[in-house]
Amino acid sequence: MWRDFPDRVAAATGCGALVYSRAGYGSSEPVSGPRSIRFMHEEALLLESIVEELALRDVILYGHSDGASIAIMYAGPVKKRILEAPHVFVEPICIESIRRVSKNARLRERLARYHPPSMFETWCDVWLTPEFAQWNIEEYLPRITDPVLVIQGDNDEYGTVKQVEAIVTQVRGPATALVLPNCGHSPHVERPDEVMEAVTQFLR
């Protein structure tokens, strides 16, 4: 679903790119049973093991949405982080949007072309549990000392610019924010050229 964007970033920057599907996504094994409320914490630990297993060096993390939250919680050495449409706490707009899309059969069918059927259901279900409303990872922000680029659309249906403000004011490293007007939850799809320019400039 990222289309050619990772290839474009790699070509423009000269960086190698490792793009993988998390558990329950793409061709990875489906998730069985309900997701844990700490599923993103668990994925951050898994990311550490992937980096270690592949002996990756000079790591730059680029995460979108849940992936951006996972990049925030990643504890290994990082040169830079690019956080697109991140979540560091739960907002009412996010829950309302997920409740709405959980009933969207058309979206479910579209996602089924890329992901196992259980992905949509387990993801919606965990975000809509009452306990998830208290989910918050702001405690991880002061631990980040590497440079950070935060990208978000001002019409993001899953979060407001409060997410961006929380990150840039609480990380201890240099932080740059790009808030794109008239843009929703997927800037790399909706405004690829502007995102590409910001990303390549940040990495250079």
C-alpha atoms as a PDB file:
ATOM      1  CA  MET A   1       0.000   0.000   0.000  1.00  0.00           C
ATOM      2  CA  TRP A   2       3.081   2.252   0.185  1.00  0.00           C
ATOM      3  CA  ARG A   3       3.329   1.859  -3.596  1.00  0.00           C
ATOM      4  CA  ASP A   4       6.701   3.065  -4.921  1.00  0.00           C
ATOM      5  CA  PHE A   5       7.380   5.511  -2.092  1.00  0.00           C
ATOM      6  CA  PRO A   6      10.061   3.427  -0.291  1.00  0.00           C
ATOM      7  CA  ASP A   7      11.877   2.884  -3.596  1.00  0.00           C
ATOM      8  CA  ARG A   8      11.783   6.617  -4.281  1.00  0.00           C
ATOM      9  CA  VAL A   9      13.188   7.450  -0.842  1.00  0.00           C
ATOM     10  CA  ALA A  10      15.982   4.900  -1.266  1.00  0.00           C
ATOM     11  CA  ALA A  11      16.864   6.196  -4.736  1.00  0.00           C
ATOM     12  CA  ALA A  12      16.796   9.849  -3.686  1.00  0.00           C
ATOM     13  CA  THR A  13      18.899   9.403  -0.544  1.00  0.00           C
ATOM     14  CA  GLY A  14      21.195   6.509  -1.385  1.00  0.00           C
ATOM     15  CA  CYS A  15      19.968   4.681   1.720  1.00  0.00           C
ATOM     16  CA  GLY A  16      19.123   1.007   1.741  1.00  0.00           C
ATOM     17  CA  ALA A  17      15.511   0.283   2.639  1.00  0.00           C
ATOM     18  CA  LEU A  18      14.105  -2.601   4.652  1.00  0.00           C
ATOM     19  CA  VAL A  19      10.313  -2.678   4.413  1.00  0.00           C
ATOM     20  CA  TYR A  20       8.544  -5.420   6.328  1.00  0.00           C
ATOM     21  CA  SER A  21       4.970  -6.373   7.185  1.00  0.00           C
ATOM     22  CA  ARG A  22       4.251  -6.666  10.898  1.00  0.00           C
ATOM     23  CA  ALA A  23       2.385  -9.620  12.367  1.00  0.00           C
ATOM     24  CA  GLY A  24      -1.088  -9.836  10.856  1.00  0.00           C
ATOM     25  CA  TYR A  25      -0.240  -7.571   7.909  1.00  0.00           C
ATOM     26  CA  GLY A  26       0.624  -8.297   4.280  1.00  0.00           C
ATOM     27  CA  SER A  27       2.034 -11.797   3.804  1.00  0.00           C
ATOM     28  CA  SER A  28       3.029 -12.163   7.452  1.00  0.00           C
ATOM     29  CA  GLU A  29       1.207 -14.701   9.606  1.00  0.00           C
ATOM     30  CA  PRO A  30      -2.300 -13.612  10.645  1.00  0.00           C
ATOM     31  CA  VAL A  31      -2.912 -12.594  14.254  1.00  0.00           C
ATOM     32  CA  SER A  32      -4.898 -15.242  16.104  1.00  0.00           C
ATOM     33  CA  GLY A  33      -7.237 -14.076  18.825  1.00  0.00           C
ATOM     34  CA  PRO A  34      -7.553 -10.510  20.154  1.00  0.00           C
ATOM     35  CA  ARG A  35      -4.590  -8.143  20.105  1.00  0.00           C
ATOM     36  CA  SER A  36      -3.022  -7.081  23.381  1.00  0.00           C
ATOM     37  CA  ILE A  37      -3.447  -3.437  24.361  1.00  0.00           C
ATOM     38  CA  ARG A  38       0.355  -3.401  24.392  1.00  0.00           C
ATOM     39  CA  PHE A  39       0.645  -4.738  20.852  1.00  0.00           C
ATOM     40  CA  MET A  40       2.705  -1.732  19.713  1.00  0.00           C
ATOM     41  CA  HIS A  41       5.055  -2.119  22.690  1.00  0.00           C
ATOM     42  CA  GLU A  42       5.502  -5.763  21.655  1.00  0.00           C
ATOM     43  CA  GLU A  43       6.199  -4.756  18.057  1.00  0.00           C
ATOM     44  CA  ALA A  44       8.858  -2.280  19.226  1.00  0.00           C
ATOM     45  CA  LEU A  45      10.658  -5.158  20.965  1.00  0.00           C
ATOM     46  CA  LEU A  46      10.307  -7.274  17.829  1.00  0.00           C
ATOM     47  CA  LEU A  47      11.808  -4.460  15.765  1.00  0.00           C
ATOM     48  CA  GLU A  48      14.844  -4.533  18.047  1.00  0.00           C
ATOM     49  CA  SER A  49      15.289  -8.238  17.343  1.00  0.00           C
ATOM     50  CA  ILE A  50      14.945  -7.676  13.575  1.00  0.00           C
ATOM     51  CA  VAL A  51      17.627  -4.986  13.589  1.00  0.00           C
ATOM     52  CA  GLU A  52      19.895  -7.202  15.680  1.00  0.00           C
ATOM     53  CA  GLU A  53      19.265 -10.338  13.606  1.00  0.00           C
ATOM     54  CA  LEU A  54      20.086  -8.539  10.352  1.00  0.00           C
ATOM     55  CA  ALA A  55      23.034  -6.680  11.916  1.00  0.00           C
ATOM     56  CA  LEU A  56      21.754  -3.343  10.620  1.00  0.00           C
ATOM     57  CA  ARG A  57      23.890  -0.276  11.246  1.00  0.00           C
ATOM     58  CA  ASP A  58      23.226   3.469  11.026  1.00  0.00           C
ATOM     59  CA  VAL A  59      19.511   2.835  11.369  1.00  0.00           C
ATOM     60  CA  ILE A  60      16.941   5.442  10.338  1.00  0.00           C
ATOM     61  CA  LEU A  61      13.368   4.568  11.304  1.00  0.00           C
ATOM     62  CA  TYR A  62      10.414   5.663   9.156  1.00  0.00           C
ATOM     63  CA  GLY A  63       7.052   4.741  10.618  1.00  0.00           C
ATOM     64  CA  HIS A  64       3.494   5.655   9.691  1.00  0.00           C
ATOM     65  CA  SER A  65       0.582   5.741  12.165  1.00  0.00           C
ATOM     66  CA  ASP A  66       1.000   2.731  14.501  1.00  0.00           C
ATOM     67  CA  GLY A  67       4.403   2.239  12.896  1.00  0.00           C
ATOM     68  CA  ALA A  68       5.401   5.744  13.977  1.00  0.00           C
ATOM     69  CA  SER A  69       4.390   4.937  17.546  1.00  0.00           C
ATOM     70  CA  ILE A  70       6.493   1.771  17.357  1.00  0.00           C
ATOM     71  CA  ALA A  71       9.430   3.852  16.091  1.00  0.00           C
ATOM     72  CA  ILE A  72       9.046   6.128  19.129  1.00  0.00           C
ATOM     73  CA  MET A  73       9.222   3.174  21.521  1.00  0.00           C
ATOM     74  CA  TYR A  74      12.157   1.486  19.780  1.00  0.00           C
ATOM     75  CA  ALA A  75      15.049   1.484  22.251  1.00  0.00           C
ATOM     76  CA  GLY A  76      17.993   0.598  20.005  1.00  0.00           C
ATOM     77  CA  PRO A  77      20.522   3.060  18.544  1.00  0.00           C
ATOM     78  CA  VAL A  78      18.968   5.277  15.876  1.00  0.00           C
ATOM     79  CA  LYS A  79      20.474   8.002  13.690  1.00  0.00           C
ATOM     80  CA  LYS A  80      17.160   9.649  12.860  1.00  0.00           C
ATOM     81  CA  ARG A  81      13.418   9.044  13.154  1.00  0.00           C
ATOM     82  CA  ILE A  82      10.713  10.022  10.646  1.00  0.00           C
ATOM     83  CA  LEU A  83       7.296   9.871  12.276  1.00  0.00           C
ATOM     84  CA  GLU A  84       4.331  10.197   9.935  1.00  0.00           C
ATOM     85  CA  ALA A  85       0.841  10.564  11.452  1.00  0.00           C
ATOM     86  CA  PRO A  86       2.069   9.304  14.848  1.00  0.00           C
ATOM     87  CA  HIS A  87       0.029   8.541  17.970  1.00  0.00           C
ATOM     88  CA  VAL A  88       1.423   9.235  21.423  1.00  0.00           C
ATOM     89  CA  PHE A  89      -1.946   9.311  23.165  1.00  0.00           C
ATOM     90  CA  VAL A  90      -5.545   8.551  22.246  1.00  0.00           C
ATOM     91  CA  GLU A  91      -7.838  11.380  21.141  1.00  0.00           C
ATOM     92  CA  PRO A  92     -11.649  11.264  20.765  1.00  0.00           C
ATOM     93  CA  ILE A  93     -11.319  11.980  17.019  1.00  0.00           C
ATOM     94  CA  CYS A  94      -9.310   8.780  16.638  1.00  0.00           C
ATOM     95  CA  ILE A  95     -11.827   6.578  18.439  1.00  0.00           C
ATOM     96  CA  GLU A  96     -14.725   8.135  16.537  1.00  0.00           C
ATOM     97  CA  SER A  97     -13.006   7.530  13.198  1.00  0.00           C
ATOM     98  CA  ILE A  98     -12.115   3.931  14.030  1.00  0.00           C
ATOM     99  CA  ARG A  99     -15.662   3.246  15.194  1.00  0.00           C
ATOM    100  CA  ARG A 100     -16.892   4.627  11.883  1.00  0.00           C
ATOM    101  CA  VAL A 101     -14.461   2.673   9.682  1.00  0.00           C
ATOM    102  CA  SER A 102     -15.114  -0.543  11.615  1.00  0.00           C
ATOM    103  CA  LYS A 103     -18.546  -0.557   9.971  1.00  0.00           C
ATOM    104  CA  ASN A 104     -17.193   0.228   6.498  1.00  0.00           C
ATOM    105  CA  ALA A 105     -17.570  -2.963   4.457  1.00  0.00           C
ATOM    106  CA  ARG A 106     -16.048  -1.331   1.379  1.00  0.00           C
ATOM    107  CA  LEU A 107     -12.842  -0.462   3.237  1.00  0.00           C
ATOM    108  CA  ARG A 108     -12.731  -3.966   4.680  1.00  0.00           C
ATOM    109  CA  GLU A 109     -12.873  -5.422   1.148  1.00  0.00           C
ATOM    110  CA  ARG A 110     -10.167  -3.058  -0.098  1.00  0.00           C
ATOM    111  CA  LEU A 111      -7.796  -3.909   2.744  1.00  0.00           C
ATOM    112  CA  ALA A 112      -8.418  -7.634   2.216  1.00  0.00           C
ATOM    113  CA  ARG A 113      -6.495  -7.331  -1.074  1.00  0.00           C
ATOM    114  CA  TYR A 114      -3.362  -6.503   0.920  1.00  0.00           C
ATOM    115  CA  HIS A 115      -3.819  -8.018   4.389  1.00  0.00           C
ATOM    116  CA  PRO A 116      -5.318 -11.100   6.066  1.00  0.00           C
ATOM    117  CA  PRO A 117      -9.014 -10.574   6.944  1.00  0.00           C
ATOM    118  CA  SER A 118      -8.251 -10.700  10.658  1.00  0.00           C
ATOM    119  CA  MET A 119      -6.041  -7.588  10.453  1.00  0.00           C
ATOM    120  CA  PHE A 120      -8.927  -5.146  10.116  1.00  0.00           C
ATOM    121  CA  GLU A 121     -11.044  -6.755  12.823  1.00  0.00           C
ATOM    122  CA  THR A 122      -8.315  -7.226  15.428  1.00  0.00           C
ATOM    123  CA  TRP A 123      -6.962  -3.716  14.884  1.00  0.00           C
ATOM    124  CA  CYS A 124     -10.365  -2.053  15.220  1.00  0.00           C
ATOM    125  CA  ASP A 125     -11.303  -4.205  18.197  1.00  0.00           C
ATOM    126  CA  VAL A 126      -8.257  -3.352  20.297  1.00  0.00           C
ATOM    127  CA  TRP A 127      -8.461   0.380  19.610  1.00  0.00           C
ATOM    128  CA  LEU A 128     -12.156   0.378  20.552  1.00  0.00           C
ATOM    129  CA  THR A 129     -11.726  -1.349  23.920  1.00  0.00           C
ATOM    130  CA  PRO A 130     -12.461   0.998  26.850  1.00  0.00           C
ATOM    131  CA  GLU A 131      -9.001   0.272  28.297  1.00  0.00           C
ATOM    132  CA  PHE A 132      -7.259   1.568  25.175  1.00  0.00           C
ATOM    133  CA  ALA A 133      -8.597   5.080  25.794  1.00  0.00           C
ATOM    134  CA  GLN A 134      -5.890   5.436  28.474  1.00  0.00           C
ATOM    135  CA  TRP A 135      -3.065   4.330  26.138  1.00  0.00           C
ATOM    136  CA  ASN A 136      -0.199   6.840  26.258  1.00  0.00           C
ATOM    137  CA  ILE A 137       3.488   6.631  25.296  1.00  0.00           C
ATOM    138  CA  GLU A 138       4.620  10.175  26.100  1.00  0.00           C
ATOM    139  CA  GLU A 139       7.012   8.723  28.677  1.00  0.00           C
ATOM    140  CA  TYR A 140       9.191   7.516  25.777  1.00  0.00           C
ATOM    141  CA  LEU A 141       9.624  10.958  24.218  1.00  0.00           C
ATOM    142  CA  PRO A 142      12.304  12.392  26.553  1.00  0.00           C
ATOM    143  CA  ARG A 143      14.447   9.330  25.811  1.00  0.00           C
ATOM    144  CA  ILE A 144      14.776  10.371  22.159  1.00  0.00           C
ATOM    145  CA  THR A 145      17.945  12.379  21.546  1.00  0.00           C
ATOM    146  CA  ASP A 146      18.361  11.695  17.802  1.00  0.00           C
ATOM    147  CA  PRO A 147      16.886  14.101  15.215  1.00  0.00           C
ATOM    148  CA  VAL A 148      13.158  13.679  14.534  1.00  0.00           C
ATOM    149  CA  LEU A 149      10.960  14.721  11.608  1.00  0.00           C
ATOM    150  CA  VAL A 150       7.220  14.658  12.348  1.00  0.00           C
ATOM    151  CA  ILE A 151       4.816  14.751   9.394  1.00  0.00           C
ATOM    152  CA  GLN A 152       1.047  15.100   9.682  1.00  0.00           C
ATOM    153  CA  GLY A 153      -1.906  16.282   7.639  1.00  0.00           C
ATOM    154  CA  ASP A 154      -4.055  18.942   9.236  1.00  0.00           C
ATOM    155  CA  ASN A 155      -7.154  16.924   8.257  1.00  0.00           C
ATOM    156  CA  ASP A 156      -5.890  13.674   9.746  1.00  0.00           C
ATOM    157  CA  GLU A 157      -9.000  11.775  10.764  1.00  0.00           C
ATOM    158  CA  TYR A 158      -7.147   9.830  13.474  1.00  0.00           C
ATOM    159  CA  GLY A 159      -5.354  12.609  15.331  1.00  0.00           C
ATOM    160  CA  THR A 160      -4.819  16.336  15.674  1.00  0.00           C
ATOM    161  CA  VAL A 161      -1.692  18.493  15.678  1.00  0.00           C
ATOM    162  CA  LYS A 162      -1.611  17.958  19.454  1.00  0.00           C
ATOM    163  CA  GLN A 163       0.267  14.746  18.632  1.00  0.00           C
ATOM    164  CA  VAL A 164       2.903  16.739  16.737  1.00  0.00           C
ATOM    165  CA  GLU A 165       3.151  19.358  19.486  1.00  0.00           C
ATOM    166  CA  ALA A 166       3.631  16.690  22.154  1.00  0.00           C
ATOM    167  CA  ILE A 167       6.505  15.132  20.241  1.00  0.00           C
ATOM    168  CA  VAL A 168       8.435  18.258  19.268  1.00  0.00           C
ATOM    169  CA  THR A 169       8.181  19.714  22.782  1.00  0.00           C
ATOM    170  CA  GLN A 170       9.080  16.548  24.695  1.00  0.00           C
ATOM    171  CA  VAL A 171      11.895  14.870  22.735  1.00  0.00           C
ATOM    172  CA  ARG A 172      15.395  15.897  23.795  1.00  0.00           C
ATOM    173  CA  GLY A 173      16.878  15.900  20.299  1.00  0.00           C
ATOM    174  CA  PRO A 174      16.276  18.369  17.448  1.00  0.00           C
ATOM    175  CA  ALA A 175      12.727  18.092  16.101  1.00  0.00           C
ATOM    176  CA  THR A 176      11.226  19.360  12.845  1.00  0.00           C
ATOM    177  CA  ALA A 177       7.495  19.401  12.124  1.00  0.00           C
ATOM    178  CA  LEU A 178       5.746  19.398   8.744  1.00  0.00           C
ATOM    179  CA  VAL A 179       1.977  19.885   8.957  1.00  0.00           C
ATOM    180  CA  LEU A 180       0.445  19.672   5.488  1.00  0.00           C
ATOM    181  CA  PRO A 181      -2.752  21.646   4.800  1.00  0.00           C
ATOM    182  CA  ASN A 182      -5.751  19.855   3.323  1.00  0.00           C
ATOM    183  CA  CYS A 183      -4.131  16.469   3.912  1.00  0.00           C
ATOM    184  CA  GLY A 184      -5.444  13.408   5.715  1.00  0.00           C
ATOM    185  CA  HIS A 185      -3.887  10.428   7.486  1.00  0.00           C
ATOM    186  CA  SER A 186      -1.497   9.254   4.746  1.00  0.00           C
ATOM    187  CA  PRO A 187       0.691  12.171   3.582  1.00  0.00           C
ATOM    188  CA  HIS A 188       3.057   9.846   1.677  1.00  0.00           C
ATOM    189  CA  VAL A 189       0.086   8.814  -0.487  1.00  0.00           C
ATOM    190  CA  GLU A 190      -1.832  12.095  -0.622  1.00  0.00           C
ATOM    191  CA  ARG A 191       1.134  14.480  -0.918  1.00  0.00           C
ATOM    192  CA  PRO A 192       4.065  12.283  -1.956  1.00  0.00           C
ATOM    193  CA  ASP A 193       6.188  14.987  -3.596  1.00  0.00           C
ATOM    194  CA  GLU A 194       6.070  17.330  -0.588  1.00  0.00           C
ATOM    195  CA  VAL A 195       6.767  14.493   1.808  1.00  0.00           C
ATOM    196  CA  MET A 196       9.601  13.257  -0.391  1.00  0.00           C
ATOM    197  CA  GLU A 197      11.204  16.693  -0.427  1.00  0.00           C
ATOM    198  CA  ALA A 198      10.966  17.009   3.360  1.00  0.00           C
ATOM    199  CA  VAL A 199      12.293  13.495   3.951  1.00  0.00           C
ATOM    200  CA  THR A 200      15.256  13.791   1.590  1.00  0.00           C
ATOM    201  CA  GLN A 201      16.203  17.194   2.973  1.00  0.00           C
ATOM    202  CA  PHE A 202      15.976  15.854   6.531  1.00  0.00           C
ATOM    203  CA  LEU A 203      18.110  12.802   5.754  1.00  0.00           C
ATOM    204  CA  ARG A 204      20.746  14.766   3.881  1.00  0.00           C
END
